[in-house]
N, C-alpha and C. Protein backbone atom coordinates (compact mmCIF):
# COMPACT_ATOMS: atom_id res chain seq x y z
N MET A 1 -176.66 36.85 10.74
CA MET A 1 -175.83 36.81 9.55
C MET A 1 -174.38 37.11 9.93
N THR A 2 -173.47 36.29 9.51
CA THR A 2 -172.05 36.48 9.79
C THR A 2 -171.45 37.40 8.75
N PRO A 3 -170.74 38.45 9.20
CA PRO A 3 -170.14 39.35 8.22
C PRO A 3 -169.04 38.63 7.45
N GLU A 4 -168.88 39.02 6.21
CA GLU A 4 -167.84 38.45 5.37
C GLU A 4 -166.52 39.14 5.70
N LEU A 5 -165.49 38.35 6.00
CA LEU A 5 -164.18 38.92 6.30
C LEU A 5 -163.57 39.44 5.02
N GLU A 6 -163.26 40.71 5.02
CA GLU A 6 -162.78 41.39 3.83
C GLU A 6 -161.27 41.59 3.93
N SER A 7 -160.53 41.16 2.92
CA SER A 7 -159.09 41.34 2.89
C SER A 7 -158.78 42.69 2.27
N VAL A 8 -158.05 43.53 3.01
CA VAL A 8 -157.87 44.92 2.61
C VAL A 8 -156.38 45.26 2.56
N ASP A 9 -155.95 45.83 1.43
CA ASP A 9 -154.61 46.40 1.34
C ASP A 9 -154.72 47.91 1.54
N VAL A 10 -153.59 48.62 1.42
CA VAL A 10 -153.60 50.05 1.71
C VAL A 10 -154.52 50.81 0.76
N HIS A 11 -154.61 50.41 -0.50
CA HIS A 11 -155.46 51.12 -1.46
C HIS A 11 -156.94 50.90 -1.13
N ALA A 12 -157.28 49.67 -0.81
CA ALA A 12 -158.67 49.38 -0.43
C ALA A 12 -159.04 50.09 0.86
N LEU A 13 -158.09 50.18 1.78
CA LEU A 13 -158.33 50.88 3.03
C LEU A 13 -158.68 52.34 2.78
N ARG A 14 -157.94 52.98 1.89
CA ARG A 14 -158.24 54.38 1.55
C ARG A 14 -159.64 54.52 0.94
N SER A 15 -160.06 53.53 0.18
CA SER A 15 -161.38 53.60 -0.47
C SER A 15 -162.52 53.44 0.53
N LEU A 16 -162.21 53.00 1.75
CA LEU A 16 -163.25 52.83 2.76
C LEU A 16 -163.64 54.13 3.47
N VAL A 17 -162.88 55.21 3.25
CA VAL A 17 -163.22 56.49 3.88
C VAL A 17 -164.62 56.89 3.42
N GLY A 18 -165.50 57.08 4.37
CA GLY A 18 -166.87 57.49 4.07
C GLY A 18 -167.81 56.36 3.69
N ALA A 19 -167.30 55.13 3.59
CA ALA A 19 -168.15 53.98 3.23
C ALA A 19 -168.95 53.53 4.45
N ALA A 20 -169.91 52.68 4.20
CA ALA A 20 -170.72 52.12 5.29
C ALA A 20 -169.81 51.34 6.25
N PRO A 21 -170.16 51.34 7.53
CA PRO A 21 -169.33 50.61 8.51
C PRO A 21 -169.29 49.11 8.21
N ARG A 22 -168.15 48.52 8.53
CA ARG A 22 -168.00 47.06 8.51
C ARG A 22 -168.40 46.60 9.90
N VAL A 23 -169.21 45.54 10.00
CA VAL A 23 -169.78 45.13 11.28
C VAL A 23 -169.27 43.73 11.67
N SER A 24 -168.85 43.61 12.92
CA SER A 24 -168.31 42.35 13.43
C SER A 24 -169.41 41.36 13.77
N ASP A 25 -168.99 40.15 14.08
CA ASP A 25 -169.88 39.15 14.67
C ASP A 25 -170.22 39.56 16.10
N TRP A 26 -171.26 38.94 16.64
CA TRP A 26 -171.62 39.15 18.04
C TRP A 26 -170.65 38.38 18.92
N VAL A 27 -170.33 38.94 20.09
CA VAL A 27 -169.46 38.31 21.08
C VAL A 27 -170.19 38.37 22.43
N GLU A 28 -170.27 37.24 23.11
CA GLU A 28 -170.94 37.22 24.41
C GLU A 28 -169.99 37.68 25.52
N ILE A 29 -170.53 38.48 26.41
CA ILE A 29 -169.78 38.94 27.58
C ILE A 29 -170.23 38.07 28.75
N ASP A 30 -169.37 37.14 29.16
CA ASP A 30 -169.74 36.24 30.25
C ASP A 30 -169.07 36.65 31.56
N GLN A 31 -169.54 36.09 32.66
CA GLN A 31 -169.02 36.46 33.97
C GLN A 31 -167.55 36.09 34.12
N THR A 32 -167.14 34.99 33.51
CA THR A 32 -165.73 34.59 33.58
C THR A 32 -164.83 35.66 32.97
N SER A 33 -165.22 36.21 31.83
CA SER A 33 -164.43 37.28 31.19
C SER A 33 -164.39 38.52 32.08
N VAL A 34 -165.51 38.87 32.69
CA VAL A 34 -165.56 40.03 33.57
C VAL A 34 -164.65 39.80 34.79
N ASP A 35 -164.71 38.61 35.37
CA ASP A 35 -163.87 38.30 36.53
C ASP A 35 -162.38 38.34 36.16
N ARG A 36 -162.03 37.81 35.01
CA ARG A 36 -160.62 37.84 34.58
C ARG A 36 -160.15 39.28 34.34
N PHE A 37 -161.03 40.10 33.76
CA PHE A 37 -160.67 41.50 33.55
C PHE A 37 -160.48 42.20 34.90
N ALA A 38 -161.35 41.89 35.86
CA ALA A 38 -161.22 42.46 37.20
C ALA A 38 -159.88 42.07 37.82
N ASP A 39 -159.50 40.80 37.67
CA ASP A 39 -158.22 40.35 38.20
C ASP A 39 -157.05 41.05 37.51
N ALA A 40 -157.14 41.21 36.20
CA ALA A 40 -156.04 41.85 35.45
C ALA A 40 -155.89 43.32 35.80
N THR A 41 -156.98 44.00 36.10
CA THR A 41 -156.93 45.45 36.33
C THR A 41 -157.00 45.84 37.80
N GLY A 42 -157.39 44.90 38.66
CA GLY A 42 -157.55 45.23 40.07
C GLY A 42 -158.86 45.93 40.39
N ASP A 43 -159.76 46.01 39.41
CA ASP A 43 -161.05 46.67 39.62
C ASP A 43 -162.10 45.60 39.96
N HIS A 44 -162.30 45.37 41.25
CA HIS A 44 -163.23 44.34 41.71
C HIS A 44 -164.52 44.94 42.28
N GLN A 45 -164.94 46.06 41.72
CA GLN A 45 -166.17 46.69 42.20
C GLN A 45 -167.32 45.68 42.08
N TRP A 46 -168.16 45.64 43.10
CA TRP A 46 -169.21 44.62 43.18
C TRP A 46 -170.18 44.64 42.01
N ILE A 47 -170.38 45.78 41.36
CA ILE A 47 -171.33 45.80 40.23
C ILE A 47 -170.83 44.94 39.06
N HIS A 48 -169.54 44.57 39.12
CA HIS A 48 -168.97 43.72 38.07
C HIS A 48 -168.82 42.27 38.53
N VAL A 49 -168.39 42.05 39.77
CA VAL A 49 -167.94 40.71 40.17
C VAL A 49 -168.82 40.02 41.21
N ASP A 50 -169.87 40.65 41.69
CA ASP A 50 -170.75 40.02 42.67
C ASP A 50 -172.17 39.97 42.09
N PRO A 51 -172.47 38.91 41.31
CA PRO A 51 -173.77 38.84 40.64
C PRO A 51 -174.96 38.93 41.59
N GLY A 52 -174.88 38.28 42.74
CA GLY A 52 -176.01 38.32 43.69
C GLY A 52 -176.28 39.73 44.18
N ARG A 53 -175.25 40.40 44.60
CA ARG A 53 -175.42 41.77 45.10
C ARG A 53 -175.85 42.70 43.96
N ALA A 54 -175.27 42.51 42.78
CA ALA A 54 -175.63 43.36 41.64
C ALA A 54 -177.11 43.20 41.28
N GLU A 55 -177.63 41.98 41.39
CA GLU A 55 -179.06 41.76 41.12
C GLU A 55 -179.92 42.47 42.16
N ARG A 56 -179.49 42.43 43.41
CA ARG A 56 -180.27 43.03 44.50
C ARG A 56 -180.15 44.54 44.57
N GLU A 57 -178.93 45.09 44.36
CA GLU A 57 -178.68 46.48 44.73
C GLU A 57 -178.36 47.43 43.58
N SER A 58 -177.94 46.91 42.45
CA SER A 58 -177.51 47.85 41.40
C SER A 58 -178.70 48.34 40.59
N PRO A 59 -178.58 49.50 40.00
CA PRO A 59 -179.65 50.01 39.15
C PRO A 59 -179.72 49.27 37.81
N PHE A 60 -178.76 48.36 37.55
CA PHE A 60 -178.70 47.66 36.27
C PHE A 60 -179.38 46.30 36.31
N GLY A 61 -179.80 45.84 37.49
CA GLY A 61 -180.52 44.57 37.60
C GLY A 61 -179.65 43.34 37.53
N GLY A 62 -178.35 43.53 37.58
CA GLY A 62 -177.41 42.42 37.54
C GLY A 62 -176.03 42.95 37.26
N PRO A 63 -175.05 42.07 37.19
CA PRO A 63 -173.67 42.52 36.97
C PRO A 63 -173.48 43.08 35.55
N ILE A 64 -172.57 44.05 35.47
CA ILE A 64 -172.25 44.66 34.17
C ILE A 64 -170.75 44.55 33.92
N ALA A 65 -170.38 44.57 32.67
CA ALA A 65 -168.98 44.56 32.28
C ALA A 65 -168.36 45.91 32.60
N HIS A 66 -167.08 45.90 32.88
CA HIS A 66 -166.33 47.15 33.04
C HIS A 66 -166.39 47.91 31.71
N GLY A 67 -166.49 49.21 31.77
CA GLY A 67 -166.45 49.99 30.53
C GLY A 67 -165.17 49.72 29.76
N PHE A 68 -164.05 49.62 30.48
CA PHE A 68 -162.78 49.40 29.80
C PHE A 68 -162.66 47.99 29.24
N LEU A 69 -163.39 47.03 29.78
CA LEU A 69 -163.46 45.70 29.16
C LEU A 69 -164.15 45.83 27.81
N THR A 70 -165.25 46.54 27.78
CA THR A 70 -165.97 46.76 26.52
C THR A 70 -165.05 47.44 25.52
N LEU A 71 -164.36 48.48 25.95
CA LEU A 71 -163.45 49.20 25.08
C LEU A 71 -162.33 48.30 24.57
N SER A 72 -161.83 47.42 25.42
CA SER A 72 -160.70 46.57 25.04
C SER A 72 -161.05 45.55 23.96
N LEU A 73 -162.32 45.35 23.71
CA LEU A 73 -162.74 44.41 22.66
C LEU A 73 -162.50 44.97 21.25
N ILE A 74 -162.37 46.28 21.14
CA ILE A 74 -162.30 46.93 19.82
C ILE A 74 -161.20 46.37 18.93
N PRO A 75 -159.94 46.29 19.37
CA PRO A 75 -158.90 45.79 18.46
C PRO A 75 -159.16 44.37 17.94
N ALA A 76 -159.59 43.48 18.82
CA ALA A 76 -159.86 42.09 18.39
C ALA A 76 -161.04 42.03 17.44
N LEU A 77 -162.08 42.81 17.71
CA LEU A 77 -163.24 42.81 16.81
C LEU A 77 -162.87 43.40 15.45
N LEU A 78 -162.01 44.42 15.44
CA LEU A 78 -161.55 44.98 14.17
C LEU A 78 -160.80 43.92 13.37
N GLU A 79 -159.90 43.21 14.04
CA GLU A 79 -159.10 42.19 13.36
C GLU A 79 -159.97 41.08 12.76
N ARG A 80 -161.07 40.76 13.44
CA ARG A 80 -161.98 39.72 12.96
C ARG A 80 -162.93 40.24 11.87
N THR A 81 -162.97 41.56 11.68
CA THR A 81 -163.93 42.16 10.76
C THR A 81 -163.29 42.64 9.46
N VAL A 82 -162.11 43.23 9.57
CA VAL A 82 -161.39 43.73 8.40
C VAL A 82 -159.99 43.12 8.43
N ALA A 83 -159.73 42.20 7.51
CA ALA A 83 -158.44 41.51 7.46
C ALA A 83 -157.46 42.37 6.67
N LEU A 84 -156.65 43.10 7.39
CA LEU A 84 -155.69 43.99 6.74
C LEU A 84 -154.47 43.19 6.30
N ARG A 85 -154.16 43.25 5.01
CA ARG A 85 -152.96 42.60 4.48
C ARG A 85 -151.79 43.53 4.77
N GLN A 86 -151.23 43.39 5.96
CA GLN A 86 -150.21 44.31 6.43
C GLN A 86 -149.02 43.55 6.99
N ARG A 87 -147.92 44.25 7.05
CA ARG A 87 -146.72 43.72 7.69
C ARG A 87 -146.85 43.82 9.20
N MET A 88 -147.46 44.94 9.66
CA MET A 88 -147.60 45.19 11.08
C MET A 88 -148.67 46.26 11.30
N GLY A 89 -149.38 46.13 12.40
CA GLY A 89 -150.34 47.15 12.80
C GLY A 89 -150.22 47.41 14.29
N VAL A 90 -150.46 48.64 14.71
CA VAL A 90 -150.41 48.98 16.14
C VAL A 90 -151.59 49.86 16.51
N ASN A 91 -152.02 49.72 17.75
CA ASN A 91 -153.02 50.63 18.30
C ASN A 91 -152.30 51.93 18.63
N TYR A 92 -152.81 53.04 18.15
CA TYR A 92 -152.13 54.32 18.34
C TYR A 92 -152.81 55.17 19.41
N GLY A 93 -154.11 54.98 19.60
CA GLY A 93 -154.79 55.75 20.64
C GLY A 93 -156.26 55.94 20.37
N LEU A 94 -156.82 56.83 21.15
CA LEU A 94 -158.24 57.14 21.07
C LEU A 94 -158.41 58.65 21.15
N ASN A 95 -159.31 59.19 20.34
CA ASN A 95 -159.61 60.61 20.43
C ASN A 95 -160.75 60.89 21.39
N ARG A 96 -161.73 60.03 21.39
CA ARG A 96 -162.91 60.27 22.18
C ARG A 96 -163.57 58.93 22.48
N VAL A 97 -163.99 58.75 23.72
CA VAL A 97 -164.67 57.53 24.13
C VAL A 97 -165.83 57.91 25.03
N ARG A 98 -166.97 57.30 24.78
CA ARG A 98 -168.13 57.46 25.66
C ARG A 98 -168.76 56.10 25.88
N PHE A 99 -169.04 55.79 27.16
CA PHE A 99 -169.77 54.57 27.51
C PHE A 99 -171.22 54.97 27.69
N THR A 100 -172.01 54.76 26.67
CA THR A 100 -173.35 55.33 26.62
C THR A 100 -174.44 54.43 27.20
N SER A 101 -174.12 53.17 27.45
CA SER A 101 -175.08 52.29 28.10
C SER A 101 -174.34 51.08 28.67
N PRO A 102 -174.78 50.59 29.84
CA PRO A 102 -174.07 49.47 30.47
C PRO A 102 -174.24 48.18 29.67
N VAL A 103 -173.22 47.33 29.73
CA VAL A 103 -173.26 46.02 29.07
C VAL A 103 -173.50 44.98 30.16
N ARG A 104 -174.68 44.38 30.14
CA ARG A 104 -175.05 43.35 31.12
C ARG A 104 -174.28 42.08 30.84
N VAL A 105 -173.80 41.46 31.90
CA VAL A 105 -173.16 40.16 31.78
C VAL A 105 -174.18 39.18 31.19
N GLY A 106 -173.73 38.41 30.22
CA GLY A 106 -174.61 37.47 29.52
C GLY A 106 -175.13 38.02 28.21
N SER A 107 -174.93 39.31 27.97
CA SER A 107 -175.39 39.90 26.71
C SER A 107 -174.33 39.75 25.63
N LYS A 108 -174.71 40.08 24.42
CA LYS A 108 -173.79 40.03 23.29
C LYS A 108 -173.58 41.44 22.74
N VAL A 109 -172.34 41.69 22.30
CA VAL A 109 -172.00 42.97 21.69
C VAL A 109 -171.35 42.72 20.33
N ARG A 110 -171.42 43.73 19.49
CA ARG A 110 -170.70 43.72 18.23
C ARG A 110 -170.28 45.15 17.93
N ALA A 111 -169.35 45.29 16.98
CA ALA A 111 -168.83 46.62 16.68
C ALA A 111 -168.98 46.93 15.21
N GLY A 112 -169.32 48.19 14.94
CA GLY A 112 -169.31 48.72 13.59
C GLY A 112 -168.10 49.62 13.43
N PHE A 113 -167.35 49.43 12.34
CA PHE A 113 -166.11 50.18 12.10
C PHE A 113 -166.26 51.00 10.82
N ALA A 114 -166.29 52.31 10.95
CA ALA A 114 -166.34 53.20 9.79
C ALA A 114 -165.02 53.97 9.72
N VAL A 115 -164.41 53.98 8.55
CA VAL A 115 -163.14 54.67 8.37
C VAL A 115 -163.42 56.16 8.19
N MET A 116 -162.89 56.98 9.10
CA MET A 116 -163.07 58.42 9.02
C MET A 116 -161.96 59.07 8.19
N SER A 117 -160.72 58.57 8.37
CA SER A 117 -159.59 59.13 7.62
C SER A 117 -158.45 58.14 7.55
N VAL A 118 -157.65 58.29 6.49
CA VAL A 118 -156.42 57.53 6.31
C VAL A 118 -155.34 58.54 5.93
N THR A 119 -154.29 58.63 6.75
CA THR A 119 -153.25 59.64 6.57
C THR A 119 -151.89 58.96 6.51
N ASP A 120 -151.05 59.38 5.59
CA ASP A 120 -149.69 58.84 5.51
C ASP A 120 -148.89 59.25 6.74
N VAL A 121 -148.05 58.31 7.24
CA VAL A 121 -147.15 58.58 8.35
C VAL A 121 -145.76 58.07 8.00
N ASP A 122 -144.80 58.30 8.88
CA ASP A 122 -143.41 57.88 8.66
C ASP A 122 -143.29 56.39 8.39
N GLU A 123 -142.19 56.01 7.78
CA GLU A 123 -141.84 54.61 7.51
C GLU A 123 -142.82 53.94 6.56
N GLY A 124 -143.51 54.72 5.74
CA GLY A 124 -144.41 54.15 4.74
C GLY A 124 -145.72 53.62 5.28
N GLY A 125 -146.08 54.04 6.48
CA GLY A 125 -147.32 53.57 7.07
C GLY A 125 -148.47 54.54 6.87
N VAL A 126 -149.63 54.13 7.35
CA VAL A 126 -150.80 54.99 7.34
C VAL A 126 -151.42 54.99 8.73
N GLN A 127 -151.99 56.12 9.08
CA GLN A 127 -152.76 56.24 10.31
C GLN A 127 -154.23 56.28 9.95
N VAL A 128 -155.01 55.45 10.62
CA VAL A 128 -156.44 55.35 10.34
C VAL A 128 -157.22 55.77 11.57
N VAL A 129 -158.20 56.64 11.36
CA VAL A 129 -159.14 56.98 12.43
C VAL A 129 -160.45 56.27 12.10
N TRP A 130 -160.85 55.42 13.02
CA TRP A 130 -162.07 54.62 12.89
C TRP A 130 -163.15 55.20 13.81
N ASN A 131 -164.34 55.36 13.29
CA ASN A 131 -165.49 55.68 14.13
C ASN A 131 -166.09 54.33 14.51
N VAL A 132 -166.02 53.99 15.80
CA VAL A 132 -166.45 52.68 16.27
C VAL A 132 -167.70 52.82 17.12
N THR A 133 -168.68 51.99 16.83
CA THR A 133 -169.90 51.92 17.63
C THR A 133 -170.07 50.48 18.10
N LEU A 134 -169.99 50.29 19.41
CA LEU A 134 -170.24 48.98 20.01
C LEU A 134 -171.70 48.94 20.43
N GLU A 135 -172.42 47.99 19.88
CA GLU A 135 -173.83 47.87 20.23
C GLU A 135 -174.07 46.60 21.01
N GLN A 136 -175.09 46.64 21.87
CA GLN A 136 -175.49 45.50 22.66
C GLN A 136 -176.77 44.93 22.05
N GLN A 137 -176.77 43.64 21.83
CA GLN A 137 -177.93 42.99 21.21
C GLN A 137 -179.18 43.28 22.03
N GLY A 138 -180.24 43.75 21.34
CA GLY A 138 -181.51 44.03 21.99
C GLY A 138 -181.62 45.42 22.60
N SER A 139 -180.57 46.21 22.50
CA SER A 139 -180.60 47.55 23.08
C SER A 139 -180.63 48.59 21.97
N GLU A 140 -181.40 49.64 22.18
CA GLU A 140 -181.48 50.71 21.18
C GLU A 140 -180.27 51.64 21.26
N ARG A 141 -179.69 51.78 22.44
CA ARG A 141 -178.54 52.68 22.62
C ARG A 141 -177.25 51.90 22.47
N PRO A 142 -176.25 52.49 21.85
CA PRO A 142 -174.95 51.82 21.79
C PRO A 142 -174.35 51.71 23.19
N ALA A 143 -173.51 50.71 23.37
CA ALA A 143 -172.83 50.54 24.65
C ALA A 143 -171.63 51.48 24.75
N CYS A 144 -170.98 51.71 23.61
CA CYS A 144 -169.77 52.54 23.59
C CYS A 144 -169.61 53.13 22.20
N VAL A 145 -169.18 54.37 22.15
CA VAL A 145 -168.79 55.00 20.88
C VAL A 145 -167.38 55.56 21.08
N ALA A 146 -166.55 55.39 20.06
CA ALA A 146 -165.16 55.81 20.20
C ALA A 146 -164.55 56.16 18.85
N GLU A 147 -163.58 57.06 18.88
CA GLU A 147 -162.71 57.29 17.74
C GLU A 147 -161.42 56.54 18.08
N PHE A 148 -161.16 55.50 17.34
CA PHE A 148 -160.03 54.61 17.56
C PHE A 148 -159.00 54.85 16.48
N ILE A 149 -157.74 55.02 16.89
CA ILE A 149 -156.67 55.34 15.93
C ILE A 149 -155.70 54.17 15.86
N THR A 150 -155.42 53.74 14.63
CA THR A 150 -154.46 52.66 14.42
C THR A 150 -153.43 53.12 13.39
N ARG A 151 -152.28 52.45 13.41
CA ARG A 151 -151.26 52.65 12.39
C ARG A 151 -150.97 51.31 11.75
N HIS A 152 -150.81 51.34 10.42
CA HIS A 152 -150.61 50.11 9.65
C HIS A 152 -149.43 50.28 8.71
N TYR A 153 -148.65 49.23 8.61
CA TYR A 153 -147.48 49.22 7.74
C TYR A 153 -147.62 48.04 6.79
N PHE A 154 -147.66 48.35 5.51
CA PHE A 154 -147.95 47.34 4.48
C PHE A 154 -146.68 46.89 3.77
């Protein structure tokens, strides 16, 4: 089932505090994306970029995505899940991140976004703390849990 893209202004955003998480579509993590991330970051550890060796030697049974690749999906998945009617939005930071299970190359992930708080900030903006859970299709454990902080100007 494809989630319905919800258009949200600042008032609707405030009403999401404590509401059920908004859930993104599934996104496949392919080897090409992992290789490009490795090139961009300089992290070419074999568990990510050498599928043959990863199948033979890693405890994961094949190549896995970088934890930070998984984490980097959060802003794009948020944008595809909650359409904020804003003038501008920025990533402000993270309070806590845990990579609780590896993401196998070829698997699909999606994110659940629950609004923990909305606080007024300078220039008429709001700061939002999102409780994010990235899950891997077919896995009982989440791949990543994070408190993601954004700022929005409407």
